Amino acid sequence: MLRHVTGTRYVTPLREGGSLPGLVEADDLGTYVVKFRGAGQGPKTLVAEVVAGELARRLGLPVPRLVVIDIDPIIARAEPDQEVQELLAASGGANLGLDFLPGALGYDPVAHPVEPELASRVLWLDAYLENVDRSWRNPNLLVWHRKLWLIDHGAAIYFHHNWPRAAAAVGRPFRADDHVLAPYATRLSEADAEFVPQVTGDLLSEVLTLVPDDWLVGPDFESPDEARAAYVAHLSARVADSGAWLPQVAAA
C-alpha cells in the first residue's frame, strides 16, 4: 500500500493546474503537492496518478514519491480563499500527495536536452497510458538536481471516464505530434522491447492494489476489486497490442 500520512497545514494553492492542487504539510514533517478528491475531475484523476506514477516507478522512471494524505476539512478555516475552502470541505478523507521537490525548475526543452533512451521510455509510457498532457505547451516535467522528473498524470488512462466504450480504446493509436520529448525519442522500438515483457498482469495488479478502495467505488462496478480487475484487463490487452498504438516518431 502507499504510505499514509495526515495533513496538518494547508500552505498555499498551486494554480498552474486546472484541479487547483495545493501545498500541504503533513504529520511526517514532509511537504506534499496534494491532488484533492473534491476537485472537478473527481477521484478518477487520483486513480490515474497512482497507476501512471507507480507503474513509471516500477519501470525505472523518476517520479516523486506518492502518499495517501488524509485531509480534515478543518484545516481550511485559516484559508481566506473561498474556492480553496470549498475544495477542502469537499475533500475530507483520503487524497493524493506527491513529494514536493523544493527548487525544482520547469522543463525547458532547449536548455535541457534529454537522452534518446530516456525520452523514448517516457514517450512509450505516455503512449501506453494515453497521457495527452505532456506537450510542449505543458510538459509536466521538472528538473531537480539535474535530473528529469515526471509529474501530473491525472489526464492519463482516460478510457476510464467511459467504461462502456473502453474496449474500443485498447488499440487506439497515440499521436505524438505535440509530445515535448518526441524530437529526442528515437529509440521507441528499443523501449517497446524493454517494457512490454515487464508490464505483466501481476505488475498491473500490484499497482492497482495501491489505489484506495473509495477512489474506485462508483456506478461502473459492484466492488473496488471488480474495478481493479477491469483496469488490469484493459491495460493487459493494450500492452499486448503495442504495435497498434506505438507512435512512429520518425515518420511524424
Protein backbone atom coordinates (compact mmCIF):
# COMPACT_ATOMS: atom_id res chain seq x y z
CA MET A 1 0.00 0.00 0.00
CA LEU A 2 1.00 3.60 -0.42
CA ARG A 3 2.26 5.25 2.75
CA HIS A 4 -0.47 7.09 4.67
CA VAL A 5 0.09 10.49 6.28
CA THR A 6 -2.18 13.14 7.77
CA GLY A 7 -2.28 16.72 6.55
CA THR A 8 -1.57 19.24 9.30
CA ARG A 9 -1.45 22.59 7.47
CA TYR A 10 -2.59 23.89 4.12
CA VAL A 11 0.25 26.09 2.89
CA THR A 12 -0.72 27.58 -0.46
CA PRO A 13 -2.62 26.77 -3.66
CA LEU A 14 -0.69 25.90 -6.81
CA ARG A 15 -2.72 27.48 -9.56
CA GLU A 16 -0.82 26.04 -12.50
CA GLY A 17 -3.21 23.06 -12.75
CA GLY A 18 -6.90 23.12 -13.50
CA SER A 19 -7.66 20.94 -10.48
CA LEU A 20 -6.22 23.50 -8.02
CA PRO A 21 -3.64 21.33 -6.27
CA GLY A 22 -2.18 22.71 -3.08
CA LEU A 23 0.95 22.53 -0.97
CA VAL A 24 0.24 20.76 2.32
CA GLU A 25 2.42 19.91 5.32
CA ALA A 26 1.89 16.52 6.95
CA ASP A 27 2.49 14.81 10.27
CA ASP A 28 5.61 13.06 8.95
CA LEU A 29 7.23 16.54 8.60
CA GLY A 30 7.02 16.20 4.84
CA THR A 31 5.57 18.71 2.41
CA TYR A 32 3.39 17.44 -0.44
CA VAL A 33 1.73 18.70 -3.57
CA VAL A 34 -1.79 17.43 -2.96
CA LYS A 35 -4.32 16.48 -5.60
CA PHE A 36 -7.76 16.71 -3.99
CA ARG A 37 -10.56 14.21 -4.43
CA GLY A 38 -13.08 17.05 -4.32
CA ALA A 39 -11.69 18.75 -7.43
CA GLY A 40 -13.81 18.88 -10.55
CA GLN A 41 -12.21 15.83 -12.18
CA GLY A 42 -13.02 13.66 -9.17
CA PRO A 43 -11.27 10.58 -7.77
CA LYS A 44 -10.56 9.09 -11.21
CA THR A 45 -7.81 11.67 -11.61
CA LEU A 46 -6.22 10.31 -8.44
CA VAL A 47 -6.52 6.76 -9.77
CA ALA A 48 -4.71 7.83 -12.94
CA GLU A 49 -1.98 9.50 -10.88
CA VAL A 50 -1.34 6.32 -8.90
CA VAL A 51 -1.47 3.94 -11.86
CA ALA A 52 0.80 6.07 -14.05
CA GLY A 53 3.15 7.18 -11.30
CA GLU A 54 3.67 3.81 -9.66
CA LEU A 55 3.94 1.99 -12.98
CA ALA A 56 6.57 4.52 -14.04
CA ARG A 57 8.47 3.93 -10.81
CA ARG A 58 8.49 0.18 -11.34
CA LEU A 59 9.80 0.68 -14.87
CA GLY A 60 12.69 2.75 -13.55
CA LEU A 61 11.42 6.21 -14.48
CA PRO A 62 11.83 9.08 -11.99
CA VAL A 63 8.61 10.21 -10.29
CA PRO A 64 8.13 11.94 -6.92
CA ARG A 65 7.11 9.67 -4.05
CA LEU A 66 3.34 9.25 -3.76
CA VAL A 67 1.43 9.07 -0.48
CA VAL A 68 -2.18 8.91 0.56
CA ILE A 69 -2.76 12.02 2.64
CA ASP A 70 -5.75 12.27 4.94
CA ILE A 71 -7.32 15.74 4.95
CA ASP A 72 -9.55 17.06 7.71
CA PRO A 73 -11.59 19.95 6.23
CA ILE A 74 -10.97 21.85 9.46
CA ILE A 75 -7.59 22.93 8.08
CA ALA A 76 -9.46 25.20 5.66
CA ARG A 77 -10.51 27.55 8.46
CA ALA A 78 -7.34 29.63 8.17
CA GLU A 79 -7.56 29.85 4.37
CA PRO A 80 -9.05 33.15 3.14
CA ASP A 81 -9.77 31.95 -0.41
CA GLN A 82 -13.37 30.74 -0.62
CA GLU A 83 -12.62 28.49 -3.60
CA VAL A 84 -9.94 26.70 -1.57
CA GLN A 85 -12.26 26.44 1.44
CA GLU A 86 -14.91 24.76 -0.71
CA LEU A 87 -12.34 22.40 -2.25
CA LEU A 88 -11.03 21.30 1.15
CA ALA A 89 -14.55 20.90 2.51
CA ALA A 90 -15.31 18.52 -0.39
CA SER A 91 -12.06 16.58 0.08
CA GLY A 92 -12.31 15.11 3.55
CA GLY A 93 -10.60 11.74 3.82
CA ALA A 94 -8.02 10.20 1.52
CA ASN A 95 -6.33 12.42 -1.06
CA LEU A 96 -3.15 12.02 -3.07
CA GLY A 97 0.16 13.64 -2.14
CA LEU A 98 3.27 13.94 -4.31
CA ASP A 99 6.57 14.65 -2.62
CA PHE A 100 7.36 18.36 -3.04
CA LEU A 101 10.68 18.92 -4.85
CA PRO A 102 11.93 22.27 -3.49
CA GLY A 103 13.79 24.36 -6.02
CA ALA A 104 12.78 22.22 -8.98
CA LEU A 105 12.61 24.01 -12.33
CA GLY A 106 10.07 23.53 -15.07
CA TYR A 107 11.44 21.59 -18.00
CA ASP A 108 12.83 23.68 -20.88
CA PRO A 109 13.47 21.53 -23.99
CA VAL A 110 16.08 24.00 -25.26
CA ALA A 111 18.03 24.22 -22.03
CA HIS A 112 17.67 20.55 -21.06
CA PRO A 113 18.01 18.11 -23.96
CA VAL A 114 17.11 14.56 -22.99
CA GLU A 115 18.99 11.40 -23.89
CA PRO A 116 17.22 9.32 -26.58
CA GLU A 117 16.87 6.32 -24.26
CA LEU A 118 15.09 8.25 -21.51
CA ALA A 119 12.96 10.26 -23.93
CA SER A 120 11.87 7.07 -25.69
CA ARG A 121 10.99 5.34 -22.44
CA VAL A 122 8.91 8.30 -21.25
CA LEU A 123 7.11 8.57 -24.59
CA TRP A 124 6.43 4.83 -24.60
CA LEU A 125 4.79 5.04 -21.18
CA ASP A 126 2.74 8.08 -22.15
CA ALA A 127 1.60 6.35 -25.34
CA TYR A 128 0.68 3.20 -23.44
CA LEU A 129 -1.32 5.11 -20.84
CA GLU A 130 -2.67 7.64 -23.35
CA ASN A 131 -1.26 10.55 -21.40
CA VAL A 132 -2.10 13.52 -23.61
CA ASP A 133 -0.75 16.04 -21.10
CA ARG A 134 2.99 16.11 -21.84
CA SER A 135 3.00 18.61 -24.69
CA TRP A 136 5.43 21.44 -25.39
CA ARG A 137 2.74 23.78 -24.05
CA ASN A 138 2.52 21.90 -20.74
CA PRO A 139 5.43 19.45 -20.35
CA ASN A 140 4.60 18.23 -16.83
CA LEU A 141 8.30 17.59 -16.33
CA LEU A 142 10.59 19.05 -13.70
CA VAL A 143 14.36 19.29 -13.50
CA TRP A 144 15.59 18.70 -9.95
CA HIS A 145 19.21 18.08 -9.04
CA ARG A 146 19.93 17.92 -12.79
CA LYS A 147 17.55 15.01 -13.20
CA LEU A 148 14.28 14.86 -15.11
CA TRP A 149 11.18 14.06 -13.04
CA LEU A 150 7.74 13.07 -14.33
CA ILE A 151 4.72 14.74 -12.69
CA ASP A 152 0.97 15.26 -13.19
CA HIS A 153 -0.53 12.12 -14.71
CA GLY A 154 -4.17 12.84 -13.94
CA ALA A 155 -5.04 13.04 -17.64
CA ALA A 156 -3.72 9.53 -18.35
CA ILE A 157 -5.82 6.36 -18.85
CA TYR A 158 -8.78 8.46 -19.89
CA PHE A 159 -10.63 5.37 -21.11
CA HIS A 160 -11.86 5.01 -17.52
CA HIS A 161 -14.11 8.02 -17.93
CA ASN A 162 -16.31 5.93 -20.26
CA TRP A 163 -16.12 2.27 -19.27
CA PRO A 164 -18.85 1.09 -21.67
CA ARG A 165 -16.61 2.12 -24.58
CA ALA A 166 -13.25 1.24 -23.02
CA ALA A 167 -12.80 -1.93 -25.08
CA ALA A 168 -12.79 0.14 -28.27
CA ALA A 169 -9.78 2.07 -26.96
CA VAL A 170 -7.47 -0.92 -26.43
CA GLY A 171 -5.67 -0.44 -29.74
CA ARG A 172 -6.26 3.28 -30.11
CA PRO A 173 -3.16 4.89 -31.71
CA PHE A 174 -1.30 7.56 -29.77
CA ARG A 175 -0.40 10.74 -31.62
CA ALA A 176 2.96 12.09 -30.54
CA ASP A 177 2.95 15.24 -32.66
CA ASP A 178 2.76 17.53 -29.62
CA HIS A 179 4.76 15.41 -27.17
CA VAL A 180 7.57 17.51 -25.76
CA LEU A 181 10.11 14.68 -25.90
CA ALA A 182 9.22 13.41 -29.40
CA PRO A 183 12.25 15.10 -31.04
CA TYR A 184 14.56 13.08 -28.77
CA ALA A 185 12.61 9.79 -28.74
CA THR A 186 14.50 7.99 -31.50
CA ARG A 187 14.61 4.60 -29.75
CA LEU A 188 10.97 3.77 -29.29
CA SER A 189 11.35 0.26 -30.67
CA GLU A 190 14.03 -0.46 -28.06
CA ALA A 191 11.80 0.96 -25.32
CA ASP A 192 8.94 -1.22 -26.57
CA ALA A 193 11.12 -4.32 -26.49
CA GLU A 194 12.26 -3.45 -22.97
CA PHE A 195 8.91 -2.59 -21.41
CA VAL A 196 6.36 -4.95 -22.99
CA PRO A 197 7.76 -8.06 -21.23
CA GLN A 198 7.86 -6.17 -17.92
CA VAL A 199 4.27 -4.93 -17.92
CA THR A 200 2.65 -8.18 -16.84
CA GLY A 201 -0.73 -8.82 -15.29
CA ASP A 202 0.98 -9.36 -11.95
CA LEU A 203 2.72 -5.98 -12.16
CA LEU A 204 -0.50 -4.21 -13.09
CA SER A 205 -2.35 -5.94 -10.25
CA GLU A 206 0.37 -4.85 -7.83
CA VAL A 207 -0.03 -1.24 -8.94
CA LEU A 208 -3.84 -1.33 -8.74
CA THR A 209 -3.75 -2.65 -5.18
CA LEU A 210 -2.17 0.67 -4.21
CA VAL A 211 -5.33 2.57 -5.16
CA PRO A 212 -7.60 3.15 -2.14
CA ASP A 213 -10.96 1.39 -2.33
CA ASP A 214 -13.03 4.55 -2.02
CA TRP A 215 -11.43 6.05 -5.16
CA LEU A 216 -12.74 3.07 -7.12
CA VAL A 217 -16.34 2.96 -5.95
CA GLY A 218 -18.96 4.19 -8.40
CA PRO A 219 -21.71 3.18 -10.77
CA ASP A 220 -19.49 1.20 -13.15
CA PHE A 221 -18.59 -1.70 -10.85
CA GLU A 222 -20.07 -3.51 -7.90
CA SER A 223 -16.87 -3.52 -5.88
CA PRO A 224 -13.35 -1.99 -5.85
CA ASP A 225 -11.86 -5.40 -6.69
CA GLU A 226 -14.07 -5.65 -9.77
CA ALA A 227 -12.85 -2.20 -10.81
CA ARG A 228 -9.22 -3.24 -10.30
CA ALA A 229 -9.75 -6.32 -12.43
CA ALA A 230 -11.21 -4.19 -15.22
CA TYR A 231 -8.21 -1.85 -15.20
CA VAL A 232 -5.81 -4.79 -15.27
CA ALA A 233 -7.69 -6.46 -18.13
CA HIS A 234 -7.75 -3.30 -20.24
CA LEU A 235 -4.11 -2.40 -19.66
CA SER A 236 -3.00 -6.01 -20.23
CA ALA A 237 -4.81 -6.08 -23.56
CA ARG A 238 -3.31 -2.75 -24.55
CA VAL A 239 0.30 -3.71 -23.80
CA ALA A 240 -0.19 -6.93 -25.76
CA ASP A 241 -1.14 -4.84 -28.80
CA SER A 242 1.63 -2.24 -28.61
CA GLY A 243 2.16 -2.32 -32.36
CA ALA A 244 -1.28 -0.76 -32.81
CA TRP A 245 -0.71 2.32 -30.65
CA LEU A 246 3.05 2.90 -30.55
CA PRO A 247 3.70 6.16 -32.45
CA GLN A 248 6.06 6.39 -35.38
CA VAL A 249 8.00 9.44 -34.31
CA ALA A 250 10.43 9.38 -37.22
CA ALA A 251 7.56 9.41 -39.70
CA ALA A 252 5.83 12.21 -37.77
